[in-house]
Amino acid sequence: MQGDASRVWQTLTALPPPAAVADVPALQIWCVDLAALVPEEDQLALLLDETEHAEVLRLRQPRDRQRLRLRRGLRRMVLGRYLDRPPALLRFERGPQGQPLLAGLAFSSSCSGDWLLLALTRGAAVGVDVECVAGFRFTPALAGTCCSRAEQQRLQALPEPLRAAEFLRNWTAKEALLKLRGTGFREEVDLPGLLEALRPHERVIALPAGPALVASLAVAQLRTA
C-alpha cells in the first residue's frame, strides 16, 4: 500500500499539541476529513481484521459502513506508523467498557460526521472528542441535562449565536474526560459537575480543530512508583 499510503497521509492534518500539555511524552494529534479518503476505501479496508469487518457489516446504512471502514483503516495506519509495525498486524484488546486497547500505546479517537480526531501518546492516558458545529441547535433544556449551574449561567450570559459552540466546548471536554477515564456514560456519573471535580494529574484542554469543529483533549500523566 505504499503509493496509496502517501495519498492517505496527505489528507491528514497534524494539530500541534497545546502548550498546556507540552510535557506529555510523544503526543500526536491528527484530524482528517474522511470524505477525502473515499478513493482509498478499498485499500484501507484491507487493513481491518475479522472483528472490525464484522463491526462494519452490522451497520445498516452504506454511508455508515463506509465511514467505519475509513476510520478503522486510518486508525491502523496512524498507530502502525507510530509503533513502526505493520498496520494489518496490530492486535487490539478491549478495556472494561469495551474501549480498544493496544499494548505500549495510549490512544483515543472521535468522529463527528465526516471528521475524525485521533490522539496518541506514551506514558499518559488520553481522551479526545470532536463535534461539528453546523446543524447543532442549542437549547437551555439541553444544557440543563449535562451542565452545572455555573456552566449554564456562563452560557446564558453569552450572545445567542455563540451559545452552541460554547455548549459543544463544554460537552466535548466532558466526553474527552470520560474517555480518558475509560468509564463512558454511566448513571452514577455526575455529568454536570464533571469538570468541577478533576482528579489529580488530569487536564482538559480545548483543541484548535478549525471553525467548523469543536474539539477537546483530556490527558493524565501516569503515576510512577
Foldseek 3Di string as FASTA:
>chain_A
DVVLVVQVVVQKDWFDDDPVVPVFAPKTKIKGQQVSCLVVLVVLLVLDDPVLLVVLVVDDDPVSSSLSSSVLSVVLVVVCVVVVHRSSPFDWDADPLRDTDGPQKEKEWEDENRMIMIMIGGQKFKFKYKYFLPPDDDDLVVCVVAAAPVLSVVLVVDPRVCNSLSVVLLVGQLRGVCVSVVNGDDPPDNRRCRVVDDDPQKDKDWTCPDPRMTMIMIMGGDDDD
